[in-house]
N, C-alpha and C. Protein backbone atom coordinates (compact mmCIF):
# COMPACT_ATOMS: atom_id res chain seq x y z
N MET A 1 107.27 130.24 111.89
CA MET A 1 106.69 129.32 113.30
C MET A 1 107.67 129.49 114.17
N ASP A 2 109.23 129.81 114.04
CA ASP A 2 110.12 129.30 115.11
C ASP A 2 109.74 130.71 116.39
N SER A 3 109.57 131.66 115.75
CA SER A 3 108.36 132.84 116.76
C SER A 3 107.25 133.24 116.54
N PRO A 4 106.55 133.90 117.46
CA PRO A 4 105.30 133.88 117.37
C PRO A 4 104.70 135.29 116.49
N MET A 5 103.91 135.10 115.43
CA MET A 5 103.38 136.63 114.52
C MET A 5 102.95 137.78 115.61
N ALA A 6 102.96 138.71 114.73
CA ALA A 6 102.40 139.48 115.79
C ALA A 6 100.79 139.43 115.51
N ASN A 7 99.70 139.83 117.04
CA ASN A 7 98.62 139.44 117.00
C ASN A 7 97.42 140.03 116.10
N LEU A 8 98.00 141.24 115.12
CA LEU A 8 97.28 141.79 114.25
C LEU A 8 97.13 140.34 112.97
N MET A 9 98.57 140.22 112.85
CA MET A 9 98.65 139.38 111.43
C MET A 9 98.01 137.86 111.81
N PHE A 10 98.19 137.50 112.97
CA PHE A 10 97.76 136.24 113.50
C PHE A 10 96.10 136.18 113.32
N ASN A 11 95.29 137.44 113.46
CA ASN A 11 94.15 137.55 113.42
C ASN A 11 93.75 137.65 111.93
N GLY A 12 94.40 138.29 111.18
CA GLY A 12 94.11 138.51 109.62
C GLY A 12 94.28 136.52 109.02
N MET A 13 95.23 136.13 109.40
CA MET A 13 95.28 134.66 109.38
C MET A 13 94.13 133.90 109.63
N THR A 14 93.75 134.11 110.88
CA THR A 14 92.53 133.19 111.26
C THR A 14 91.62 133.59 110.31
N LEU A 15 91.24 134.57 109.98
CA LEU A 15 90.02 134.65 108.93
C LEU A 15 90.59 134.23 107.73
N PHE A 16 91.57 134.60 107.39
CA PHE A 16 91.80 133.79 106.19
C PHE A 16 91.28 131.91 106.37
N PHE A 17 91.84 132.00 107.47
CA PHE A 17 91.69 129.75 107.24
C PHE A 17 90.43 129.25 107.10
N LYS A 18 89.23 130.53 108.03
CA LYS A 18 88.07 130.67 108.31
C LYS A 18 87.06 130.20 106.74
N VAL A 19 87.62 131.09 105.63
CA VAL A 19 87.13 131.56 104.60
C VAL A 19 87.81 130.00 104.09
N ARG A 20 88.99 129.72 103.92
CA ARG A 20 89.56 128.43 103.11
C ARG A 20 88.89 127.02 104.26
N ASP A 21 88.75 127.00 105.01
CA ASP A 21 87.94 126.06 105.77
C ASP A 21 86.31 125.88 105.15
N PHE A 22 85.65 127.05 104.65
CA PHE A 22 84.48 126.67 104.48
C PHE A 22 84.83 125.81 102.49
N ILE A 23 85.80 126.11 102.19
CA ILE A 23 85.70 125.57 100.94
C ILE A 23 86.37 124.72 100.69
N LEU A 24 87.39 124.25 101.61
CA LEU A 24 87.66 122.91 101.72
C LEU A 24 87.55 122.29 103.43
N PRO A 25 86.79 121.93 103.67
CA PRO A 25 86.63 121.22 105.50
C PRO A 25 88.25 120.67 105.41
N ARG A 26 88.66 120.64 106.44
CA ARG A 26 89.67 120.15 107.11
C ARG A 26 89.47 118.15 107.23
N GLU A 27 88.34 118.45 107.57
CA GLU A 27 87.59 116.97 107.44
C GLU A 27 88.32 116.15 105.84
N GLU A 28 88.27 116.61 104.67
CA GLU A 28 88.59 115.86 103.49
C GLU A 28 89.84 116.03 103.76
N ILE A 29 90.37 116.53 104.27
CA ILE A 29 92.38 116.46 104.06
C ILE A 29 92.43 115.36 105.36
N LEU A 30 91.80 115.08 106.44
CA LEU A 30 92.31 114.55 107.58
C LEU A 30 91.70 112.92 106.95
N ASP A 31 90.88 113.07 106.17
CA ASP A 31 90.39 111.59 105.95
C ASP A 31 91.23 110.67 105.18
N GLU A 32 92.00 111.63 104.45
CA GLU A 32 93.44 110.86 103.80
C GLU A 32 94.34 110.40 104.54
N VAL A 33 94.65 110.84 106.00
CA VAL A 33 95.69 110.18 106.55
C VAL A 33 95.20 109.28 107.43
N GLY A 34 94.35 108.49 107.51
CA GLY A 34 93.95 107.23 108.25
C GLY A 34 93.97 107.53 109.82
N ILE A 35 92.99 108.28 110.55
CA ILE A 35 93.33 108.50 112.00
C ILE A 35 92.16 107.76 112.64
N LYS A 36 92.87 106.49 113.64
CA LYS A 36 91.85 105.80 113.78
C LYS A 36 91.37 106.12 115.26
N PRO A 37 90.49 105.36 116.25
CA PRO A 37 89.95 105.52 117.23
C PRO A 37 91.72 105.22 118.05
N GLY A 38 91.33 105.98 119.17
CA GLY A 38 92.33 105.44 120.32
C GLY A 38 94.07 106.14 119.54
N PHE A 39 94.22 106.56 118.54
CA PHE A 39 95.47 107.36 118.02
C PHE A 39 95.65 108.33 119.18
N ARG A 40 97.19 108.53 118.85
CA ARG A 40 97.68 109.93 119.25
C ARG A 40 98.26 111.01 118.11
N VAL A 41 97.47 112.04 118.32
CA VAL A 41 97.58 113.11 116.94
C VAL A 41 98.17 114.49 117.83
N LEU A 42 99.51 114.72 116.84
CA LEU A 42 100.35 115.81 117.00
C LEU A 42 100.27 116.65 115.67
N ASP A 43 99.49 117.86 116.34
CA ASP A 43 99.40 119.19 115.25
C ASP A 43 100.35 120.02 115.04
N TYR A 44 101.46 119.70 114.54
CA TYR A 44 102.56 120.92 114.64
C TYR A 44 102.29 121.79 113.96
N GLY A 45 102.58 123.07 114.49
CA GLY A 45 101.97 124.31 114.25
C GLY A 45 100.63 124.41 113.87
N CYS A 46 99.71 124.19 114.95
CA CYS A 46 98.16 123.97 114.69
C CYS A 46 97.81 125.41 114.50
N GLY A 47 98.30 126.52 114.45
CA GLY A 47 97.68 127.73 114.75
C GLY A 47 96.10 127.92 115.20
N PRO A 48 95.28 128.57 114.53
CA PRO A 48 94.17 128.62 115.43
C PRO A 48 93.01 127.42 115.30
N GLY A 49 93.76 126.36 114.88
CA GLY A 49 93.21 124.97 115.14
C GLY A 49 91.96 124.45 114.36
N GLY A 50 92.31 124.72 112.90
CA GLY A 50 91.25 124.21 111.81
C GLY A 50 90.95 122.74 111.97
N TYR A 51 92.24 122.04 112.49
CA TYR A 51 92.76 120.34 112.39
C TYR A 51 92.17 119.80 113.30
N VAL A 52 92.06 120.41 114.81
CA VAL A 52 91.90 120.39 116.16
C VAL A 52 90.41 119.21 116.09
N PRO A 53 88.93 120.19 115.55
CA PRO A 53 88.26 119.60 116.25
C PRO A 53 88.23 117.58 115.31
N GLY A 54 88.50 118.02 113.85
CA GLY A 54 88.12 117.00 113.05
C GLY A 54 88.95 116.01 113.70
N ALA A 55 90.12 115.61 113.83
CA ALA A 55 91.31 115.05 114.34
C ALA A 55 90.59 114.67 115.70
N ALA A 56 90.03 115.24 116.71
CA ALA A 56 89.74 114.94 118.23
C ALA A 56 88.47 113.92 118.02
N GLU A 57 87.81 114.51 116.85
CA GLU A 57 86.71 113.31 116.96
C GLU A 57 87.06 112.09 116.27
N LEU A 58 88.02 112.09 115.35
CA LEU A 58 88.44 110.74 114.56
C LEU A 58 89.22 109.91 115.96
N VAL A 59 89.78 110.45 116.65
CA VAL A 59 90.90 109.44 117.87
C VAL A 59 89.73 108.90 118.84
N GLY A 60 88.66 110.10 118.90
CA GLY A 60 87.57 109.28 120.18
C GLY A 60 88.15 109.79 121.41
N GLU A 61 87.19 109.47 122.63
CA GLU A 61 87.49 109.48 123.73
C GLU A 61 88.87 108.68 124.26
N SER A 62 89.40 107.73 123.90
CA SER A 62 90.18 106.99 123.84
C SER A 62 91.41 107.34 123.31
N GLY A 63 91.47 108.39 122.44
CA GLY A 63 92.57 109.14 121.86
C GLY A 63 93.47 110.26 122.36
N LYS A 64 94.01 110.84 121.98
CA LYS A 64 94.25 112.07 122.39
C LYS A 64 94.78 113.10 121.25
N VAL A 65 94.38 114.38 121.19
CA VAL A 65 95.51 115.48 120.12
C VAL A 65 96.01 116.25 120.73
N TYR A 66 97.28 116.63 120.23
CA TYR A 66 98.35 117.36 121.20
C TYR A 66 98.24 118.43 119.88
N ALA A 67 97.82 119.75 120.08
CA ALA A 67 98.13 120.81 119.33
C ALA A 67 98.89 121.88 119.69
N LEU A 68 99.93 121.69 118.78
CA LEU A 68 101.49 122.75 119.34
C LEU A 68 101.59 123.72 118.54
N ASP A 69 101.73 125.06 119.13
CA ASP A 69 102.52 126.17 118.16
C ASP A 69 102.93 127.15 119.43
N VAL A 70 104.05 128.03 118.78
CA VAL A 70 104.47 128.94 119.31
C VAL A 70 103.62 130.23 119.60
N HIS A 71 102.89 130.03 118.97
CA HIS A 71 101.73 131.73 119.53
C HIS A 71 100.90 131.28 120.60
N PRO A 72 100.69 132.04 121.71
CA PRO A 72 99.91 132.18 122.59
C PRO A 72 98.41 132.27 122.75
N LEU A 73 98.69 133.32 121.46
CA LEU A 73 96.89 133.25 121.16
C LEU A 73 96.36 132.01 120.04
N ALA A 74 97.15 131.53 119.48
CA ALA A 74 96.76 130.16 118.71
C ALA A 74 96.32 129.03 119.81
N LEU A 75 97.18 129.08 120.56
CA LEU A 75 96.55 128.28 121.71
C LEU A 75 95.50 128.14 122.88
N ARG A 76 95.72 129.75 122.77
CA ARG A 76 94.11 129.91 123.64
C ARG A 76 93.08 129.89 122.51
N ARG A 77 93.13 130.11 121.21
CA ARG A 77 91.77 129.83 120.50
C ARG A 77 91.71 128.33 120.26
N VAL A 78 92.76 127.47 120.49
CA VAL A 78 92.56 126.04 120.68
C VAL A 78 91.36 125.55 121.64
N GLN A 79 92.04 126.39 122.83
CA GLN A 79 91.67 125.73 124.33
C GLN A 79 89.99 126.22 124.02
N ASN A 80 89.80 127.51 123.97
CA ASN A 80 88.52 127.76 123.95
C ASN A 80 87.73 126.92 122.70
N LEU A 81 88.04 126.76 121.71
CA LEU A 81 87.49 125.88 120.63
C LEU A 81 87.62 124.29 121.67
N ALA A 82 87.71 123.83 121.89
CA ALA A 82 88.23 122.92 122.74
C ALA A 82 87.06 122.80 123.83
N ARG A 83 87.24 124.02 124.40
CA ARG A 83 86.02 124.58 126.05
C ARG A 83 84.61 123.88 124.99
N LYS A 84 84.62 124.74 124.21
CA LYS A 84 83.09 125.13 123.70
C LYS A 84 82.89 123.88 122.41
N ARG A 85 83.49 123.27 122.40
CA ARG A 85 83.14 121.87 121.84
C ARG A 85 82.98 120.77 122.24
N ASN A 86 83.29 120.94 123.76
CA ASN A 86 83.73 119.89 124.79
C ASN A 86 84.61 118.75 124.20
N LEU A 87 85.74 119.51 124.14
CA LEU A 87 86.71 118.60 123.16
C LEU A 87 87.59 117.89 124.26
N THR A 88 87.29 117.06 125.27
CA THR A 88 88.12 116.82 126.33
C THR A 88 89.42 115.63 126.41
N ASN A 89 89.42 115.56 124.90
CA ASN A 89 90.85 114.96 124.41
C ASN A 89 91.94 115.84 123.69
N VAL A 90 91.71 116.99 123.92
CA VAL A 90 92.86 117.92 123.65
C VAL A 90 93.59 118.55 124.28
N GLU A 91 94.73 118.89 123.90
CA GLU A 91 95.80 119.19 125.22
C GLU A 91 96.80 119.99 123.91
N THR A 92 96.72 120.95 124.57
CA THR A 92 97.80 122.46 123.94
C THR A 92 99.20 121.92 124.70
N ILE A 93 100.69 122.72 123.86
CA ILE A 93 101.40 122.62 123.91
C ILE A 93 102.43 123.82 123.16
N CYS A 94 103.01 124.85 124.22
CA CYS A 94 103.46 126.17 123.66
C CYS A 94 104.80 125.62 123.33
N SER A 95 105.81 125.97 122.30
CA SER A 95 106.97 125.48 121.85
C SER A 95 107.69 125.91 120.51
N ASP A 96 108.64 125.82 120.48
CA ASP A 96 108.71 126.31 118.70
C ASP A 96 110.02 125.02 118.16
N CYS A 97 109.86 124.06 119.23
CA CYS A 97 110.57 122.91 118.37
C CYS A 97 110.33 121.49 119.40
N ARG A 98 110.62 121.10 120.65
CA ARG A 98 110.55 120.36 121.88
C ARG A 98 108.85 120.04 121.99
N THR A 99 108.65 119.14 122.15
CA THR A 99 107.22 118.71 122.34
C THR A 99 106.68 118.16 124.01
N GLU A 100 108.11 117.84 124.63
CA GLU A 100 108.08 117.07 125.94
C GLU A 100 107.45 115.86 126.03
N LEU A 101 107.18 115.22 124.79
CA LEU A 101 106.05 113.98 124.69
C LEU A 101 107.32 112.67 124.85
N PRO A 102 106.78 111.60 125.43
CA PRO A 102 107.72 110.45 125.42
C PRO A 102 107.95 110.19 123.82
N ASP A 103 109.33 109.30 124.05
CA ASP A 103 109.45 108.83 122.60
C ASP A 103 108.85 108.10 122.43
N ASN A 104 108.30 107.68 120.72
CA ASN A 104 107.44 106.61 120.07
C ASN A 104 106.28 106.59 121.13
N SER A 105 105.75 107.79 120.88
CA SER A 105 104.29 108.11 121.55
C SER A 105 103.15 108.64 120.63
N VAL A 106 103.67 108.90 119.76
CA VAL A 106 102.66 109.67 118.83
C VAL A 106 102.54 108.82 117.55
N ASP A 107 101.04 108.41 117.04
CA ASP A 107 100.58 107.84 116.04
C ASP A 107 100.83 108.31 114.64
N VAL A 108 100.56 109.46 114.39
CA VAL A 108 99.96 110.81 113.36
C VAL A 108 100.69 112.31 113.76
N VAL A 109 101.75 112.59 113.28
CA VAL A 109 101.78 113.99 112.79
C VAL A 109 101.67 114.71 111.83
N LEU A 110 100.72 115.48 111.83
CA LEU A 110 100.26 116.42 111.27
C LEU A 110 101.29 117.71 110.93
N LEU A 111 101.79 117.76 110.19
CA LEU A 111 103.02 118.80 109.48
C LEU A 111 102.04 119.71 108.49
N TYR A 112 101.36 120.75 108.74
CA TYR A 112 100.60 121.46 107.50
C TYR A 112 100.75 122.98 107.71
N ASP A 113 101.38 123.34 106.43
CA ASP A 113 101.79 124.80 106.07
C ASP A 113 102.21 125.65 106.97
N VAL A 114 103.48 124.52 107.41
CA VAL A 114 104.53 125.73 108.48
C VAL A 114 106.07 125.03 107.96
N PHE A 115 106.21 124.41 106.99
CA PHE A 115 107.43 123.97 106.88
C PHE A 115 108.23 125.25 106.43
N HIS A 116 107.77 125.74 105.65
CA HIS A 116 108.36 126.42 104.63
C HIS A 116 108.98 127.69 105.57
N GLY A 117 108.18 128.01 106.56
CA GLY A 117 108.73 128.90 107.62
C GLY A 117 109.78 128.84 109.10
N LEU A 118 109.99 127.46 108.64
CA LEU A 118 110.64 126.97 109.66
C LEU A 118 112.40 127.66 109.61
N SER A 119 112.92 127.90 110.87
CA SER A 119 114.63 128.46 110.52
C SER A 119 115.42 127.39 110.84
N ARG A 120 114.75 126.12 111.31
CA ARG A 120 115.52 124.86 111.95
C ARG A 120 114.58 124.13 111.55
N PRO A 121 114.61 123.61 110.38
CA PRO A 121 113.39 122.41 109.68
C PRO A 121 113.85 120.86 110.38
N GLN A 122 115.10 121.24 110.39
CA GLN A 122 115.95 119.50 110.33
C GLN A 122 115.65 119.22 111.88
N ALA A 123 115.99 120.29 113.12
CA ALA A 123 115.70 120.21 114.58
C ALA A 123 114.87 119.61 114.64
N ILE A 124 113.38 120.25 113.77
CA ILE A 124 112.01 119.84 114.31
C ILE A 124 111.60 118.64 113.51
N LEU A 125 112.35 118.38 112.63
CA LEU A 125 111.96 116.85 111.91
C LEU A 125 112.60 115.52 112.90
N ALA A 126 113.77 116.29 113.39
CA ALA A 126 114.21 115.10 114.55
C ALA A 126 113.66 114.98 115.64
N GLU A 127 112.88 115.91 116.11
CA GLU A 127 112.05 115.77 117.00
C GLU A 127 110.65 115.12 116.76
N LEU A 128 109.87 115.42 115.74
CA LEU A 128 109.15 114.86 115.19
C LEU A 128 109.29 112.93 115.01
N HIS A 129 110.59 112.58 114.49
CA HIS A 129 111.04 111.67 114.40
C HIS A 129 111.12 110.85 116.02
N ARG A 130 111.66 111.77 116.84
CA ARG A 130 111.56 110.79 118.30
C ARG A 130 110.62 110.29 118.73
N VAL A 131 108.90 111.41 118.38
CA VAL A 131 107.93 111.22 119.12
C VAL A 131 107.47 110.13 118.34
N LEU A 132 107.68 110.04 117.18
CA LEU A 132 106.76 109.29 116.11
C LEU A 132 106.94 107.71 116.62
N LYS A 133 105.60 107.07 116.31
CA LYS A 133 105.87 105.52 116.36
C LYS A 133 106.44 105.23 115.49
N GLU A 134 106.74 103.76 115.64
CA GLU A 134 107.31 103.12 114.53
C GLU A 134 106.98 103.09 113.18
N ASN A 135 105.88 102.69 113.14
CA ASN A 135 104.59 102.43 112.25
C ASN A 135 103.82 103.74 112.25
N GLY A 136 104.20 104.60 112.90
CA GLY A 136 103.40 106.10 112.52
C GLY A 136 103.62 106.80 111.24
N THR A 137 102.65 108.34 110.85
CA THR A 137 102.75 108.55 109.79
C THR A 137 102.89 110.06 109.93
N LEU A 138 103.83 111.10 109.78
CA LEU A 138 104.14 112.37 109.38
C LEU A 138 103.14 112.61 108.08
N SER A 139 102.22 113.99 108.33
CA SER A 139 101.39 113.81 107.40
C SER A 139 101.94 115.18 106.83
N PHE A 140 101.84 115.25 105.55
CA PHE A 140 102.74 116.69 105.37
C PHE A 140 101.62 117.42 104.29
N ASN A 141 101.51 118.67 104.43
CA ASN A 141 100.90 119.46 103.37
C ASN A 141 101.70 120.70 103.22
N ASP A 142 102.14 121.67 102.57
CA ASP A 142 102.88 122.49 102.70
C ASP A 142 102.75 123.41 101.48
N HIS A 143 101.71 124.28 101.11
CA HIS A 143 101.35 124.61 99.68
C HIS A 143 102.51 125.74 99.01
N HIS A 144 103.16 125.95 100.05
CA HIS A 144 104.48 126.93 99.60
C HIS A 144 105.45 126.47 99.15
N MET A 145 105.21 125.12 99.31
CA MET A 145 106.44 124.46 98.39
C MET A 145 106.44 123.86 97.44
N SER A 146 107.38 123.64 96.15
CA SER A 146 107.39 122.75 95.22
C SER A 146 107.54 121.13 95.81
N GLU A 147 106.77 120.46 95.20
CA GLU A 147 107.19 118.77 95.21
C GLU A 147 108.40 118.61 95.82
N ASP A 148 109.04 118.76 94.95
CA ASP A 148 110.97 118.64 94.78
C ASP A 148 111.42 118.89 96.16
N ASP A 149 111.12 120.87 96.20
CA ASP A 149 111.29 120.99 97.55
C ASP A 149 111.18 119.87 98.86
N ILE A 150 109.79 120.07 98.83
CA ILE A 150 108.87 118.91 100.03
C ILE A 150 109.99 117.87 100.03
N MET A 151 109.74 116.73 98.88
CA MET A 151 110.95 115.47 98.70
C MET A 151 112.72 116.11 99.91
N ALA A 152 113.16 116.74 99.19
CA ALA A 152 114.54 117.03 99.68
C ALA A 152 114.32 117.88 101.29
N GLY A 153 113.18 118.43 101.50
CA GLY A 153 112.90 118.84 102.75
C GLY A 153 112.93 117.60 103.75
N ILE A 154 111.85 116.85 103.54
CA ILE A 154 111.78 115.79 104.59
C ILE A 154 112.14 114.65 104.27
N THR A 155 112.55 114.09 103.17
CA THR A 155 113.53 112.97 103.19
C THR A 155 115.04 113.22 103.23
N GLY A 156 115.70 114.04 103.45
CA GLY A 156 116.95 115.21 103.06
C GLY A 156 118.01 114.75 104.09
N GLY A 157 117.46 114.21 105.45
CA GLY A 157 117.82 114.23 106.29
C GLY A 157 118.01 112.96 106.98
N ARG A 158 117.10 112.05 106.16
CA ARG A 158 117.24 110.48 106.11
C ARG A 158 116.55 109.86 107.93
N LEU A 159 115.68 111.05 107.73
CA LEU A 159 114.76 110.53 109.18
C LEU A 159 113.36 109.94 108.42
N PHE A 160 112.80 110.61 107.26
CA PHE A 160 111.69 109.89 107.17
C PHE A 160 111.75 109.21 105.51
N GLU A 161 110.69 108.50 105.09
CA GLU A 161 110.43 108.19 103.62
C GLU A 161 109.17 108.38 103.20
N LEU A 162 108.78 109.02 101.59
CA LEU A 162 107.46 108.66 101.38
C LEU A 162 107.12 107.57 101.22
N VAL A 163 105.92 107.25 101.81
CA VAL A 163 105.40 106.11 101.56
C VAL A 163 103.48 106.28 100.76
N ARG A 164 103.43 107.55 100.91
CA ARG A 164 102.06 107.64 99.94
C ARG A 164 101.52 109.33 99.75
N GLU A 165 101.51 109.40 98.33
CA GLU A 165 100.76 110.64 97.62
C GLU A 165 99.20 110.69 97.59
N GLY A 166 99.27 111.54 98.11
CA GLY A 166 97.18 111.37 98.37
C GLY A 166 97.01 112.93 97.63
N LYS A 167 95.84 112.93 97.70
CA LYS A 167 94.96 114.63 96.68
C LYS A 167 95.63 115.68 97.45
N HIS A 168 95.56 115.65 98.85
CA HIS A 168 96.03 116.82 99.62
C HIS A 168 97.20 116.46 100.22
N THR A 169 97.52 115.38 100.84
CA THR A 169 99.08 115.25 101.62
C THR A 169 99.91 114.67 100.98
N TYR A 170 101.30 114.15 102.19
CA TYR A 170 102.16 113.31 101.26
C TYR A 170 102.49 112.77 103.20
N GLY A 171 102.38 111.37 102.94
CA GLY A 171 102.22 110.38 103.86
C GLY A 171 103.96 109.66 103.77
N PHE A 172 104.44 110.31 105.12
CA PHE A 172 105.94 109.41 105.22
C PHE A 172 106.21 108.87 106.23
N SER A 173 106.78 107.82 106.65
CA SER A 173 107.27 106.90 107.70
C SER A 173 108.63 107.23 108.03
N LYS A 174 108.82 106.81 109.34
CA LYS A 174 109.96 107.53 110.01
C LYS A 174 111.12 106.29 109.69
N LEU A 175 112.38 106.61 109.32
CA LEU A 175 113.35 105.65 109.24
C LEU A 175 114.08 105.10 110.40
N GLU A 176 114.45 103.85 110.49
CA GLU A 176 115.24 103.70 111.60
C GLU A 176 116.74 104.40 112.09
N THR A 177 117.35 105.22 113.12
CA THR A 177 118.75 105.97 112.39
C THR A 177 119.52 104.91 113.49
N LEU A 178 121.06 105.01 113.37
CA LEU A 178 121.44 104.43 113.84
C LEU A 178 122.25 105.76 115.04
N SER A 179 122.20 104.66 116.36
CA SER A 179 122.23 105.60 117.26
C SER A 179 123.65 105.29 117.51
């Protein structure tokens, strides 16, 4: 996630995700998160946008989905997807860490299948902590990691605590930090 993968590898990953999404629709996973109309959702490491249409539908016209990725091809795919489906509530962000979103402005962060590949996970968690609202949710899934590694990785920096374990995701809330 920290640096863009080769386009050929990205295209292969995209094909794999299409098969995965057919077998397990992303909406089943998003149902677990509790996204409501009007929410602001950040899909951090959005890839080709598998979660974007479902999240955009859940937040409705009054909400917003920010799709962030380091790979320009991923963002082009998300932009094309949004245009084809007339999703006017989707905005893309090209970054390897900083979102440029205001403090405490996001209701839900989707951090799916990217954490295992981050070279600076604590810097990214600090950024997600900054943009997440006080009662917001960091929704996490990474099938490349054991549950122990997930807990240590997400809660070890004392920025988040586990509040829910679902069938497909873990839900974390942000802890207050001393300034």
